[in-house]
PDB file of all heavy atoms in Angstrom:
ATOM      1  N   SER A   1      71.637 135.276  32.700  1.00  0.00           N
ATOM      2  CA  SER A   1      71.290 136.705  32.469  1.00  0.00           C
ATOM      3  C   SER A   1      70.387 137.207  33.598  1.00  0.00           C
ATOM      4  O   SER A   1      70.499 138.391  34.089  1.00  0.00           O
ATOM      5  CB  SER A   1      70.638 136.921  31.167  1.00  0.00           C
ATOM      6  OG  SER A   1      71.513 136.524  30.078  1.00  0.00           O
ATOM      7  N   LEU A   2      69.375 136.394  33.972  1.00  0.00           N
ATOM      8  CA  LEU A   2      68.481 136.834  35.084  1.00  0.00           C
ATOM      9  C   LEU A   2      69.263 136.919  36.344  1.00  0.00           C
ATOM     10  O   LEU A   2      69.074 137.840  37.175  1.00  0.00           O
ATOM     11  CB  LEU A   2      67.367 135.803  35.207  1.00  0.00           C
ATOM     12  CG  LEU A   2      66.290 135.738  34.143  1.00  0.00           C
ATOM     13  CD1 LEU A   2      65.344 134.602  34.335  1.00  0.00           C
ATOM     14  CD2 LEU A   2      65.505 137.146  34.165  1.00  0.00           C
ATOM     15  N   GLN A   3      70.208 135.970  36.645  1.00  0.00           N
ATOM     16  CA  GLN A   3      70.982 136.022  37.852  1.00  0.00           C
ATOM     17  C   GLN A   3      71.906 137.242  37.908  1.00  0.00           C
ATOM     18  O   GLN A   3      72.042 137.845  38.915  1.00  0.00           O
ATOM     19  CB  GLN A   3      71.825 134.760  37.991  1.00  0.00           C
ATOM     20  CG  GLN A   3      72.634 134.672  39.324  1.00  0.00           C
ATOM     21  CD  GLN A   3      73.269 133.356  39.439  1.00  0.00           C
ATOM     22  OE1 GLN A   3      73.296 132.583  38.496  1.00  0.00           O
ATOM     23  NE2 GLN A   3      73.925 133.079  40.572  1.00  0.00           N
ATOM     24  N   ALA A   4      72.445 137.641  36.751  1.00  0.00           N
ATOM     25  CA  ALA A   4      73.324 138.762  36.644  1.00  0.00           C
ATOM     26  C   ALA A   4      72.566 140.096  36.551  1.00  0.00           C
ATOM     27  O   ALA A   4      73.140 141.135  36.727  1.00  0.00           O
ATOM     28  CB  ALA A   4      74.207 138.644  35.424  1.00  0.00           C
ATOM     29  N   GLY A   5      71.244 139.973  36.375  1.00  0.00           N
ATOM     30  CA  GLY A   5      70.485 141.198  36.250  1.00  0.00           C
ATOM     31  C   GLY A   5      70.514 141.894  34.922  1.00  0.00           C
ATOM     32  O   GLY A   5      70.124 142.998  34.760  1.00  0.00           O
ATOM     33  N   THR A   6      71.169 141.218  33.885  1.00  0.00           N
ATOM     34  CA  THR A   6      71.270 141.935  32.606  1.00  0.00           C
ATOM     35  C   THR A   6      70.049 141.747  31.731  1.00  0.00           C
ATOM     36  O   THR A   6      69.875 142.375  30.696  1.00  0.00           O
ATOM     37  CB  THR A   6      72.510 141.320  31.802  1.00  0.00           C
ATOM     38  OG1 THR A   6      72.364 139.876  31.766  1.00  0.00           O
ATOM     39  CG2 THR A   6      73.802 141.621  32.500  1.00  0.00           C
ATOM     40  N   VAL A   7      69.131 140.810  32.147  1.00  0.00           N
ATOM     41  CA  VAL A   7      67.875 140.639  31.462  1.00  0.00           C
ATOM     42  C   VAL A   7      66.781 140.570  32.553  1.00  0.00           C
ATOM     43  O   VAL A   7      66.894 139.979  33.599  1.00  0.00           O
ATOM     44  CB  VAL A   7      67.865 139.316  30.675  1.00  0.00           C
ATOM     45  CG1 VAL A   7      66.426 139.056  30.207  1.00  0.00           C
ATOM     46  CG2 VAL A   7      68.721 139.410  29.470  1.00  0.00           C
ATOM     47  N   LYS A   8      65.717 141.317  32.295  1.00  0.00           N
ATOM     48  CA  LYS A   8      64.521 141.312  33.188  1.00  0.00           C
ATOM     49  C   LYS A   8      63.440 140.449  32.655  1.00  0.00           C
ATOM     50  O   LYS A   8      63.213 140.321  31.434  1.00  0.00           O
ATOM     51  CB  LYS A   8      64.046 142.744  33.355  1.00  0.00           C
ATOM     52  CG  LYS A   8      65.059 143.721  33.954  1.00  0.00           C
ATOM     53  CD  LYS A   8      64.532 145.111  34.054  1.00  0.00           C
ATOM     54  CE  LYS A   8      65.544 146.080  34.574  1.00  0.00           C
ATOM     55  NZ  LYS A   8      65.041 147.504  34.617  1.00  0.00           N
ATOM     56  N   ASP A   9      62.673 139.892  33.542  1.00  0.00           N
ATOM     57  CA  ASP A   9      61.578 139.032  33.131  1.00  0.00           C
ATOM     58  C   ASP A   9      60.546 139.803  32.272  1.00  0.00           C
ATOM     59  O   ASP A   9      59.939 139.200  31.373  1.00  0.00           O
ATOM     60  CB  ASP A   9      60.882 138.459  34.352  1.00  0.00           C
ATOM     61  CG  ASP A   9      59.824 137.428  34.008  1.00  0.00           C
ATOM     62  OD1 ASP A   9      60.185 136.353  33.465  1.00  0.00           O
ATOM     63  OD2 ASP A   9      58.627 137.669  34.187  1.00  0.00           O
ATOM     64  N   THR A  10      60.462 141.094  32.533  1.00  0.00           N
ATOM     65  CA  THR A  10      59.555 141.874  31.727  1.00  0.00           C
ATOM     66  C   THR A  10      60.013 142.086  30.251  1.00  0.00           C
ATOM     67  O   THR A  10      59.268 142.501  29.484  1.00  0.00           O
ATOM     68  CB  THR A  10      59.360 143.288  32.354  1.00  0.00           C
ATOM     69  OG1 THR A  10      60.685 143.872  32.517  1.00  0.00           O
ATOM     70  CG2 THR A  10      58.644 143.223  33.729  1.00  0.00           C
ATOM     71  N   ASP A  11      61.211 141.735  30.005  1.00  0.00           N
ATOM     72  CA  ASP A  11      61.815 141.856  28.590  1.00  0.00           C
ATOM     73  C   ASP A  11      61.331 140.590  27.823  1.00  0.00           C
ATOM     74  O   ASP A  11      61.629 140.643  26.531  1.00  0.00           O
ATOM     75  CB  ASP A  11      63.305 141.882  28.582  1.00  0.00           C
ATOM     76  CG  ASP A  11      63.827 143.120  29.300  1.00  0.00           C
ATOM     77  OD1 ASP A  11      63.126 144.163  29.190  1.00  0.00           O
ATOM     78  OD2 ASP A  11      64.918 143.075  29.919  1.00  0.00           O
ATOM     79  N   LEU A  12      60.810 139.610  28.372  1.00  0.00           N
ATOM     80  CA  LEU A  12      60.586 138.326  27.729  1.00  0.00           C
ATOM     81  C   LEU A  12      59.184 138.150  27.140  1.00  0.00           C
ATOM     82  O   LEU A  12      58.180 138.609  27.618  1.00  0.00           O
ATOM     83  CB  LEU A  12      60.808 137.198  28.754  1.00  0.00           C
ATOM     84  CG  LEU A  12      62.108 137.253  29.481  1.00  0.00           C
ATOM     85  CD1 LEU A  12      62.194 136.058  30.479  1.00  0.00           C
ATOM     86  CD2 LEU A  12      63.264 137.143  28.489  1.00  0.00           C
ATOM     87  N   THR A  13      59.205 137.547  25.917  1.00  0.00           N
ATOM     88  CA  THR A  13      57.996 137.181  25.218  1.00  0.00           C
ATOM     89  C   THR A  13      57.583 135.765  25.650  1.00  0.00           C
ATOM     90  O   THR A  13      58.276 135.080  26.387  1.00  0.00           O
ATOM     91  CB  THR A  13      58.188 137.197  23.730  1.00  0.00           C
ATOM     92  OG1 THR A  13      59.214 136.265  23.399  1.00  0.00           O
ATOM     93  CG2 THR A  13      58.692 138.577  23.238  1.00  0.00           C
ATOM     94  N   GLU A  14      56.362 135.344  25.167  1.00  0.00           N
ATOM     95  CA  GLU A  14      55.943 133.965  25.420  1.00  0.00           C
ATOM     96  C   GLU A  14      56.954 132.962  24.874  1.00  0.00           C
ATOM     97  O   GLU A  14      57.252 131.959  25.477  1.00  0.00           O
ATOM     98  CB  GLU A  14      54.572 133.720  24.886  1.00  0.00           C
ATOM     99  CG  GLU A  14      53.407 134.443  25.571  1.00  0.00           C
ATOM    100  CD  GLU A  14      53.313 133.890  27.035  1.00  0.00           C
ATOM    101  OE1 GLU A  14      53.341 132.624  27.250  1.00  0.00           O
ATOM    102  OE2 GLU A  14      53.202 134.692  27.926  1.00  0.00           O
ATOM    103  N   ALA A  15      57.464 133.230  23.687  1.00  0.00           N
ATOM    104  CA  ALA A  15      58.470 132.276  23.105  1.00  0.00           C
ATOM    105  C   ALA A  15      59.763 132.263  23.971  1.00  0.00           C
ATOM    106  O   ALA A  15      60.355 131.216  23.999  1.00  0.00           O
ATOM    107  CB  ALA A  15      58.771 132.719  21.667  1.00  0.00           C
ATOM    108  N   ALA A  16      60.106 133.465  24.496  1.00  0.00           N
ATOM    109  CA  ALA A  16      61.342 133.485  25.322  1.00  0.00           C
ATOM    110  C   ALA A  16      61.137 132.770  26.643  1.00  0.00           C
ATOM    111  O   ALA A  16      62.130 132.179  27.176  1.00  0.00           O
ATOM    112  CB  ALA A  16      61.687 134.887  25.572  1.00  0.00           C
ATOM    113  N   ARG A  17      59.938 132.708  27.181  1.00  0.00           N
ATOM    114  CA  ARG A  17      59.667 131.998  28.419  1.00  0.00           C
ATOM    115  C   ARG A  17      59.432 130.520  28.254  1.00  0.00           C
ATOM    116  O   ARG A  17      59.531 129.714  29.187  1.00  0.00           O
ATOM    117  CB  ARG A  17      58.438 132.623  29.082  1.00  0.00           C
ATOM    118  CG  ARG A  17      58.566 134.038  29.585  1.00  0.00           C
ATOM    119  CD  ARG A  17      57.393 134.422  30.417  1.00  0.00           C
ATOM    120  NE  ARG A  17      57.577 135.777  30.916  1.00  0.00           N
ATOM    121  CZ  ARG A  17      56.953 136.869  30.368  1.00  0.00           C
ATOM    122  NH1 ARG A  17      56.386 136.724  29.226  1.00  0.00           N
ATOM    123  NH2 ARG A  17      57.223 138.010  30.817  1.00  0.00           N
ATOM    124  N   TRP A  18      59.097 130.150  27.024  1.00  0.00           N
ATOM    125  CA  TRP A  18      58.740 128.704  26.723  1.00  0.00           C
ATOM    126  C   TRP A  18      59.877 127.770  27.044  1.00  0.00           C
ATOM    127  O   TRP A  18      60.976 127.982  26.649  1.00  0.00           O
ATOM    128  CB  TRP A  18      58.314 128.607  25.307  1.00  0.00           C
ATOM    129  CG  TRP A  18      57.894 127.189  24.938  1.00  0.00           C
ATOM    130  CD1 TRP A  18      57.108 126.369  25.605  1.00  0.00           C
ATOM    131  CD2 TRP A  18      58.287 126.489  23.774  1.00  0.00           C
ATOM    132  NE1 TRP A  18      56.944 125.155  24.904  1.00  0.00           N
ATOM    133  CE2 TRP A  18      57.645 125.240  23.751  1.00  0.00           C
ATOM    134  CE3 TRP A  18      59.068 126.787  22.656  1.00  0.00           C
ATOM    135  CZ2 TRP A  18      57.849 124.275  22.762  1.00  0.00           C
ATOM    136  CZ3 TRP A  18      59.231 125.884  21.621  1.00  0.00           C
ATOM    137  CH2 TRP A  18      58.624 124.593  21.683  1.00  0.00           C
ATOM    138  N   ASN A  19      59.521 126.679  27.720  1.00  0.00           N
ATOM    139  CA  ASN A  19      60.436 125.607  27.970  1.00  0.00           C
ATOM    140  C   ASN A  19      59.749 124.306  27.822  1.00  0.00           C
ATOM    141  O   ASN A  19      58.611 124.162  28.287  1.00  0.00           O
ATOM    142  CB  ASN A  19      61.070 125.732  29.342  1.00  0.00           C
ATOM    143  CG  ASN A  19      62.245 124.761  29.570  1.00  0.00           C
ATOM    144  OD1 ASN A  19      62.843 124.332  28.551  1.00  0.00           O
ATOM    145  ND2 ASN A  19      62.508 124.400  30.778  1.00  0.00           N
ATOM    146  N   ALA A  20      60.379 123.287  27.230  1.00  0.00           N
ATOM    147  CA  ALA A  20      59.811 121.943  27.105  1.00  0.00           C
ATOM    148  C   ALA A  20      60.939 120.983  27.260  1.00  0.00           C
ATOM    149  O   ALA A  20      61.886 120.979  26.537  1.00  0.00           O
ATOM    150  CB  ALA A  20      59.143 121.767  25.730  1.00  0.00           C
ATOM    151  N   ALA A  21      60.821 120.153  28.251  1.00  0.00           N
ATOM    152  CA  ALA A  21      61.935 119.261  28.607  1.00  0.00           C
ATOM    153  C   ALA A  21      61.972 117.950  27.771  1.00  0.00           C
ATOM    154  O   ALA A  21      62.970 117.378  27.626  1.00  0.00           O
ATOM    155  CB  ALA A  21      61.877 118.893  30.127  1.00  0.00           C
ATOM    156  N   THR A  22      60.812 117.632  27.251  1.00  0.00           N
ATOM    157  CA  THR A  22      60.719 116.350  26.531  1.00  0.00           C
ATOM    158  C   THR A  22      59.988 116.563  25.155  1.00  0.00           C
ATOM    159  O   THR A  22      59.199 117.485  25.016  1.00  0.00           O
ATOM    160  CB  THR A  22      59.939 115.310  27.331  1.00  0.00           C
ATOM    161  OG1 THR A  22      58.574 115.713  27.522  1.00  0.00           O
ATOM    162  CG2 THR A  22      60.542 115.059  28.706  1.00  0.00           C
ATOM    163  N   PRO A  23      60.212 115.643  24.175  1.00  0.00           N
ATOM    164  CA  PRO A  23      59.544 115.820  22.883  1.00  0.00           C
ATOM    165  C   PRO A  23      58.056 115.843  23.032  1.00  0.00           C
ATOM    166  O   PRO A  23      57.360 116.494  22.299  1.00  0.00           O
ATOM    167  CB  PRO A  23      60.052 114.558  22.167  1.00  0.00           C
ATOM    168  CG  PRO A  23      61.345 114.258  22.757  1.00  0.00           C
ATOM    169  CD  PRO A  23      61.212 114.606  24.189  1.00  0.00           C
ATOM    170  N   SER A  24      57.490 115.010  24.029  1.00  0.00           N
ATOM    171  CA  SER A  24      56.000 114.964  24.147  1.00  0.00           C
ATOM    172  C   SER A  24      55.427 116.320  24.547  1.00  0.00           C
ATOM    173  O   SER A  24      54.178 116.564  24.356  1.00  0.00           O
ATOM    174  CB  SER A  24      55.630 113.874  25.106  1.00  0.00           C
ATOM    175  OG  SER A  24      56.160 114.172  26.443  1.00  0.00           O
ATOM    176  N   GLU A  25      56.205 117.168  25.176  1.00  0.00           N
ATOM    177  CA  GLU A  25      55.714 118.481  25.590  1.00  0.00           C
ATOM    178  C   GLU A  25      55.722 119.517  24.493  1.00  0.00           C
ATOM    179  O   GLU A  25      55.109 120.579  24.674  1.00  0.00           O
ATOM    180  CB  GLU A  25      56.513 118.989  26.764  1.00  0.00           C
ATOM    181  CG  GLU A  25      56.462 118.073  28.025  1.00  0.00           C
ATOM    182  CD  GLU A  25      57.411 118.551  29.125  1.00  0.00           C
ATOM    183  OE1 GLU A  25      58.257 119.463  28.827  1.00  0.00           O
ATOM    184  OE2 GLU A  25      57.331 118.009  30.170  1.00  0.00           O
ATOM    185  N   LEU A  26      56.325 119.236  23.433  1.00  0.00           N
ATOM    186  CA  LEU A  26      56.474 120.256  22.306  1.00  0.00           C
ATOM    187  C   LEU A  26      55.180 120.670  21.686  1.00  0.00           C
ATOM    188  O   LEU A  26      54.855 121.834  21.531  1.00  0.00           O
ATOM    189  CB  LEU A  26      57.508 119.754  21.284  1.00  0.00           C
ATOM    190  CG  LEU A  26      58.904 119.538  21.720  1.00  0.00           C
ATOM    191  CD1 LEU A  26      59.784 119.009  20.551  1.00  0.00           C
ATOM    192  CD2 LEU A  26      59.497 120.782  22.294  1.00  0.00           C
ATOM    193  N   LEU A  27      54.375 119.642  21.250  1.00  0.00           N
ATOM    194  CA  LEU A  27      53.197 119.899  20.477  1.00  0.00           C
ATOM    195  C   LEU A  27      52.140 120.715  21.203  1.00  0.00           C
ATOM    196  O   LEU A  27      51.286 121.270  20.524  1.00  0.00           O
ATOM    197  CB  LEU A  27      52.605 118.510  19.969  1.00  0.00           C
ATOM    198  CG  LEU A  27      53.510 117.792  19.028  1.00  0.00           C
ATOM    199  CD1 LEU A  27      52.845 116.502  18.583  1.00  0.00           C
ATOM    200  CD2 LEU A  27      53.890 118.662  17.797  1.00  0.00           C
ATOM    201  N   ALA A  28      52.256 120.810  22.527  1.00  0.00           N
ATOM    202  CA  ALA A  28      51.337 121.611  23.301  1.00  0.00           C
ATOM    203  C   ALA A  28      51.333 123.108  22.981  1.00  0.00           C
ATOM    204  O   ALA A  28      50.418 123.840  23.159  1.00  0.00           O
ATOM    205  CB  ALA A  28      51.462 121.421  24.768  1.00  0.00           C
ATOM    206  N   ARG A  29      52.522 123.459  22.373  1.00  0.00           N
ATOM    207  CA  ARG A  29      52.738 124.864  22.027  1.00  0.00           C
ATOM    208  C   ARG A  29      52.457 125.116  20.455  1.00  0.00           C
ATOM    209  O   ARG A  29      52.722 126.176  19.958  1.00  0.00           O
ATOM    210  CB  ARG A  29      54.204 125.281  22.298  1.00  0.00           C
ATOM    211  CG  ARG A  29      54.578 126.674  22.241  1.00  0.00           C
ATOM    212  CD  ARG A  29      53.687 127.601  23.103  1.00  0.00           C
ATOM    213  NE  ARG A  29      53.810 127.388  24.482  1.00  0.00           N
ATOM    214  CZ  ARG A  29      54.283 128.285  25.352  1.00  0.00           C
ATOM    215  NH1 ARG A  29      54.718 129.495  24.880  1.00  0.00           N
ATOM    216  NH2 ARG A  29      54.341 128.050  26.632  1.00  0.00           N
ATOM    217  N   ALA A  30      51.893 124.137  19.792  1.00  0.00           N
ATOM    218  CA  ALA A  30      51.771 124.192  18.329  1.00  0.00           C
ATOM    219  C   ALA A  30      50.979 125.421  17.874  1.00  0.00           C
ATOM    220  O   ALA A  30      51.321 126.070  16.859  1.00  0.00           O
ATOM    221  CB  ALA A  30      51.203 122.968  17.763  1.00  0.00           C
ATOM    222  N   SER A  31      49.837 125.744  18.552  1.00  0.00           N
ATOM    223  CA  SER A  31      48.987 126.794  18.044  1.00  0.00           C
ATOM    224  C   SER A  31      49.600 128.099  18.149  1.00  0.00           C
ATOM    225  O   SER A  31      49.529 128.996  17.329  1.00  0.00           O
ATOM    226  CB  SER A  31      47.682 126.767  18.815  1.00  0.00           C
ATOM    227  OG  SER A  31      47.830 126.966  20.194  1.00  0.00           O
TER     228      SER A  31
END
């Protein structure tokens, strides 16, 4: 969507930006 320009970065929330590649990275977002 970003490449096609149908979604802008300004449309995104913290949850939409969040990425975690491994299980160990998940709990850092718990709060």
